[in-house]
N, C-alpha and C. Protein backbone atom coordinates (compact mmCIF):
# COMPACT_ATOMS: atom_id res chain seq x y z
N MET A 1 -9.13 1.98 13.70
CA MET A 1 -8.53 0.51 13.66
C MET A 1 -9.23 -0.66 13.72
N LYS A 2 -10.27 -0.66 14.53
CA LYS A 2 -11.32 -1.65 14.85
C LYS A 2 -11.80 -2.04 13.35
N ASP A 3 -11.96 -0.96 12.38
CA ASP A 3 -12.54 -1.27 10.77
C ASP A 3 -11.49 -1.95 10.18
N THR A 4 -10.41 -1.49 10.28
CA THR A 4 -9.29 -2.49 9.65
C THR A 4 -9.08 -4.14 10.19
N ILE A 5 -9.11 -4.05 11.50
CA ILE A 5 -9.13 -5.54 12.12
C ILE A 5 -10.23 -6.34 11.89
N ASP A 6 -11.56 -5.74 11.79
CA ASP A 6 -12.36 -6.33 11.23
C ASP A 6 -12.65 -6.78 9.45
N LEU A 7 -12.10 -5.97 8.88
CA LEU A 7 -11.83 -5.81 7.58
C LEU A 7 -10.77 -7.31 7.22
N VAL A 8 -9.61 -7.50 8.04
CA VAL A 8 -8.72 -8.18 7.73
C VAL A 8 -9.21 -9.54 8.30
N ASN A 9 -10.07 -9.66 9.32
CA ASN A 9 -10.75 -10.57 9.67
C ASN A 9 -11.73 -11.57 8.67
N ASN A 10 -12.39 -10.31 8.30
CA ASN A 10 -13.62 -11.11 7.37
C ASN A 10 -13.22 -11.56 6.01
N LEU A 11 -11.80 -10.86 5.61
CA LEU A 11 -11.11 -11.43 4.14
C LEU A 11 -10.28 -12.63 4.84
N LEU A 12 -9.76 -12.80 5.88
CA LEU A 12 -9.18 -14.46 6.34
C LEU A 12 -10.26 -15.36 6.26
N GLN A 13 -11.80 -15.19 6.75
CA GLN A 13 -12.48 -15.92 6.79
C GLN A 13 -13.30 -16.43 5.36
N GLN A 14 -12.95 -15.10 4.20
CA GLN A 14 -13.37 -15.68 3.03
C GLN A 14 -12.39 -16.48 2.40
N LYS A 15 -10.88 -16.17 2.66
CA LYS A 15 -10.10 -17.13 2.36
C LYS A 15 -10.15 -18.76 3.03
N ASP A 16 -10.76 -18.87 4.28
CA ASP A 16 -10.82 -20.26 4.65
C ASP A 16 -11.78 -20.78 3.73
N GLU A 17 -13.10 -20.06 3.02
CA GLU A 17 -13.76 -20.63 2.44
C GLU A 17 -13.84 -21.08 1.08
N LYS A 18 -12.36 -20.56 0.38
CA LYS A 18 -12.32 -20.79 -0.90
C LYS A 18 -12.30 -22.18 -1.23
N THR A 19 -12.42 -22.69 -2.31
CA THR A 19 -12.39 -24.29 -3.05
C THR A 19 -10.93 -24.29 -3.26
N ASN A 20 -10.65 -25.53 -3.63
CA ASN A 20 -9.39 -25.66 -4.31
C ASN A 20 -8.85 -25.25 -5.27
N ALA A 21 -9.86 -25.03 -6.42
CA ALA A 21 -9.50 -24.25 -7.66
C ALA A 21 -9.22 -23.14 -7.73
N GLN A 22 -9.13 -22.06 -6.19
CA GLN A 22 -9.41 -20.93 -6.26
C GLN A 22 -7.90 -20.52 -5.31
N GLN A 23 -7.33 -21.34 -5.41
CA GLN A 23 -5.96 -21.34 -4.16
C GLN A 23 -4.94 -20.80 -4.85
N ASN A 24 -5.01 -20.58 -6.34
CA ASN A 24 -3.71 -20.10 -6.52
C ASN A 24 -4.07 -18.73 -6.97
N ALA A 25 -5.49 -18.11 -6.59
CA ALA A 25 -5.53 -16.75 -6.84
C ALA A 25 -4.95 -15.78 -5.41
N TYR A 26 -4.91 -14.48 -5.74
CA TYR A 26 -4.50 -13.63 -4.83
C TYR A 26 -5.66 -13.57 -3.72
N ASP A 27 -5.21 -13.26 -2.60
CA ASP A 27 -6.28 -12.78 -1.32
C ASP A 27 -6.68 -11.43 -1.64
N ALA A 28 -5.50 -10.53 -2.03
CA ALA A 28 -5.59 -9.14 -1.90
C ALA A 28 -4.93 -8.66 -3.17
N VAL A 29 -4.94 -7.52 -4.07
CA VAL A 29 -4.31 -6.87 -4.92
C VAL A 29 -4.38 -5.59 -4.38
N ILE A 30 -3.31 -4.84 -4.26
CA ILE A 30 -2.87 -3.48 -3.85
C ILE A 30 -2.35 -2.87 -5.07
N ILE A 31 -2.99 -1.96 -5.53
CA ILE A 31 -2.35 -0.92 -6.67
C ILE A 31 -1.74 0.43 -6.08
N GLY A 32 -0.44 0.46 -6.21
CA GLY A 32 0.42 1.41 -5.89
C GLY A 32 1.37 0.72 -4.59
N ALA A 33 2.54 1.24 -5.01
CA ALA A 33 3.47 0.47 -3.66
C ALA A 33 4.29 1.33 -3.33
N GLY A 34 3.51 2.81 -2.72
CA GLY A 34 4.12 3.70 -1.84
C GLY A 34 3.97 3.28 -0.62
N ILE A 35 4.33 3.96 0.43
CA ILE A 35 4.30 3.65 1.75
C ILE A 35 3.40 3.08 2.23
N GLY A 36 1.84 3.77 1.90
CA GLY A 36 0.82 2.97 2.29
C GLY A 36 0.66 1.30 1.97
N GLY A 37 0.95 1.59 0.54
CA GLY A 37 0.63 0.14 0.03
C GLY A 37 1.32 -0.83 0.27
N LEU A 38 2.66 -0.52 0.53
CA LEU A 38 3.91 -1.60 1.16
C LEU A 38 3.26 -1.89 2.71
N VAL A 39 3.04 -0.92 3.51
CA VAL A 39 2.66 -1.08 4.79
C VAL A 39 1.38 -2.07 4.97
N CYS A 40 0.66 -1.91 3.92
CA CYS A 40 -0.69 -2.75 3.89
C CYS A 40 -0.39 -4.15 3.20
N GLY A 41 0.24 -3.92 2.49
CA GLY A 41 0.57 -5.47 1.83
C GLY A 41 1.29 -6.03 3.06
N CYS A 42 2.26 -5.60 3.78
CA CYS A 42 2.94 -6.50 4.66
C CYS A 42 1.88 -6.68 5.86
N TYR A 43 1.28 -5.99 6.25
CA TYR A 43 -0.07 -6.32 7.39
C TYR A 43 -0.61 -7.74 6.84
N LEU A 44 -1.26 -7.51 5.40
CA LEU A 44 -1.97 -8.42 4.86
C LEU A 44 -1.30 -9.81 4.97
N ALA A 45 -0.05 -9.91 4.39
CA ALA A 45 0.96 -10.90 4.14
C ALA A 45 1.17 -11.38 5.77
N ARG A 46 1.43 -10.98 6.70
CA ARG A 46 1.66 -11.31 7.89
C ARG A 46 0.36 -12.23 8.55
N ALA A 47 -1.05 -11.41 8.29
CA ALA A 47 -1.54 -12.06 8.45
C ALA A 47 -2.10 -13.53 7.59
N GLY A 48 -1.38 -13.88 6.90
CA GLY A 48 -1.53 -14.98 5.98
C GLY A 48 -1.66 -15.20 4.89
N MET A 49 -2.26 -13.97 4.20
CA MET A 49 -3.16 -13.71 3.07
C MET A 49 -1.98 -13.82 1.91
N LYS A 50 -2.64 -14.19 0.86
CA LYS A 50 -1.38 -14.03 -0.75
C LYS A 50 -1.70 -12.76 -0.97
N VAL A 51 -0.77 -11.85 -1.27
CA VAL A 51 -0.77 -10.39 -1.83
C VAL A 51 -0.18 -10.13 -3.00
N LEU A 52 -0.44 -9.10 -3.91
CA LEU A 52 0.02 -8.79 -5.27
C LEU A 52 0.05 -7.26 -4.83
N ILE A 53 1.25 -6.55 -5.12
CA ILE A 53 1.29 -5.33 -4.81
C ILE A 53 2.16 -4.75 -6.55
N CYS A 54 0.77 -3.86 -7.11
CA CYS A 54 1.11 -3.27 -8.58
C CYS A 54 1.70 -2.04 -8.37
N GLU A 55 2.77 -1.61 -9.24
CA GLU A 55 3.36 -0.41 -9.10
C GLU A 55 3.85 -0.20 -10.53
N GLN A 56 3.51 1.00 -11.24
CA GLN A 56 3.68 1.46 -12.36
C GLN A 56 5.17 2.15 -12.78
N HIS A 57 5.99 2.37 -11.49
CA HIS A 57 7.17 3.05 -11.35
C HIS A 57 8.23 1.56 -11.19
N TYR A 58 9.40 1.82 -11.66
CA TYR A 58 10.31 0.69 -11.51
C TYR A 58 11.02 0.24 -10.29
N LYS A 59 10.66 1.36 -9.15
CA LYS A 59 11.02 1.03 -7.84
C LYS A 59 9.67 1.49 -7.08
N PRO A 60 9.62 0.47 -6.12
CA PRO A 60 8.33 1.08 -4.96
C PRO A 60 9.11 1.88 -4.11
N GLY A 61 8.29 2.50 -3.28
CA GLY A 61 8.47 3.67 -2.31
C GLY A 61 8.04 4.73 -2.47
N ASP A 62 7.58 5.62 -3.41
CA ASP A 62 6.63 6.83 -3.60
C ASP A 62 7.48 8.07 -3.17
N ILE A 63 7.02 8.17 -1.78
CA ILE A 63 7.60 9.62 -1.25
C ILE A 63 8.79 9.39 -0.55
N VAL A 64 9.26 8.28 -0.32
CA VAL A 64 10.38 7.80 0.49
C VAL A 64 11.44 7.67 -0.62
N LEU A 65 11.15 7.81 -2.01
CA LEU A 65 12.07 7.83 -3.39
C LEU A 65 12.85 8.94 -3.50
N HIS A 66 14.09 8.47 -3.93
CA HIS A 66 14.99 9.82 -4.23
C HIS A 66 15.01 9.70 -5.57
N LEU A 67 15.07 10.66 -6.60
CA LEU A 67 15.13 10.66 -7.92
C LEU A 67 16.25 11.79 -8.13
N LYS A 68 17.35 11.30 -8.97
CA LYS A 68 18.20 12.04 -9.80
C LYS A 68 17.84 12.35 -10.98
N ASP A 69 18.29 13.85 -11.35
CA ASP A 69 18.11 14.24 -12.65
C ASP A 69 19.16 15.41 -12.78
N ARG A 70 20.05 15.33 -14.06
CA ARG A 70 21.03 16.34 -14.39
C ARG A 70 21.75 16.68 -13.07
N GLY A 71 22.37 15.80 -12.27
CA GLY A 71 23.12 16.22 -10.89
C GLY A 71 22.32 16.85 -10.09
N TYR A 72 21.26 16.75 -9.92
CA TYR A 72 20.23 17.13 -8.75
C TYR A 72 19.88 15.91 -8.30
N ILE A 73 19.77 16.07 -6.89
CA ILE A 73 18.66 14.99 -6.14
C ILE A 73 17.48 15.55 -5.71
N TRP A 74 16.62 15.04 -6.04
CA TRP A 74 15.21 15.50 -5.70
C TRP A 74 14.56 14.65 -4.65
N MET A 75 14.09 15.01 -3.64
CA MET A 75 13.45 14.25 -2.82
C MET A 75 12.02 14.76 -2.45
N PRO A 76 11.17 14.11 -3.51
CA PRO A 76 9.61 14.24 -2.87
C PRO A 76 9.22 14.05 -1.90
N ARG A 77 8.09 15.08 -1.37
CA ARG A 77 7.55 15.06 -0.25
C ARG A 77 6.27 15.15 -0.26
N LEU A 78 5.30 14.66 0.87
CA LEU A 78 4.15 15.10 0.80
C LEU A 78 3.80 16.04 1.77
N ILE A 79 3.36 17.10 1.11
CA ILE A 79 3.37 18.34 2.04
C ILE A 79 1.67 18.85 2.24
N VAL A 80 1.15 19.04 3.52
CA VAL A 80 0.00 19.64 3.70
C VAL A 80 -0.01 21.13 4.62
N LEU A 81 -0.54 21.54 4.03
CA LEU A 81 -1.22 22.84 4.36
C LEU A 81 -2.09 23.10 5.36
N VAL A 82 -2.01 23.40 6.28
CA VAL A 82 -3.19 23.69 7.31
C VAL A 82 -3.13 25.16 7.28
N ASP A 83 -4.62 25.39 7.42
CA ASP A 83 -4.86 27.20 7.79
C ASP A 83 -3.78 27.87 6.98
N THR A 84 -4.24 27.69 5.47
CA THR A 84 -3.52 28.58 4.49
C THR A 84 -4.25 29.97 4.51
N GLU A 85 -4.61 30.55 5.12
CA GLU A 85 -5.60 31.74 4.99
C GLU A 85 -4.19 32.95 5.38
N MET A 86 -4.05 33.65 4.72
CA MET A 86 -3.01 34.80 4.72
C MET A 86 -3.55 35.74 5.38
N VAL A 87 -3.03 36.70 6.17
CA VAL A 87 -3.26 37.52 7.11
C VAL A 87 -2.39 38.93 6.77
N LEU A 88 -2.74 39.61 6.23
CA LEU A 88 -1.96 40.87 5.56
C LEU A 88 -2.00 42.17 6.95
């Protein structure tokens, strides 16, 4: 967490040092509008940064997104398998 705070502070210092010609540029560009990208973008925006979030899908949300196909609703989720060794 301290590393993240240091990163945001460094980015804010860099923002203050920009010239007037660079004021229309983004401070951060985030690739992917999944839950992590959206949360990261929100934190940076709340810290006063100008943020651009790019997503290839027409809807943001990633794993919280519901997909409809042929009458079925698919709810993709991230699944983490821990200790997958099978005992017979």
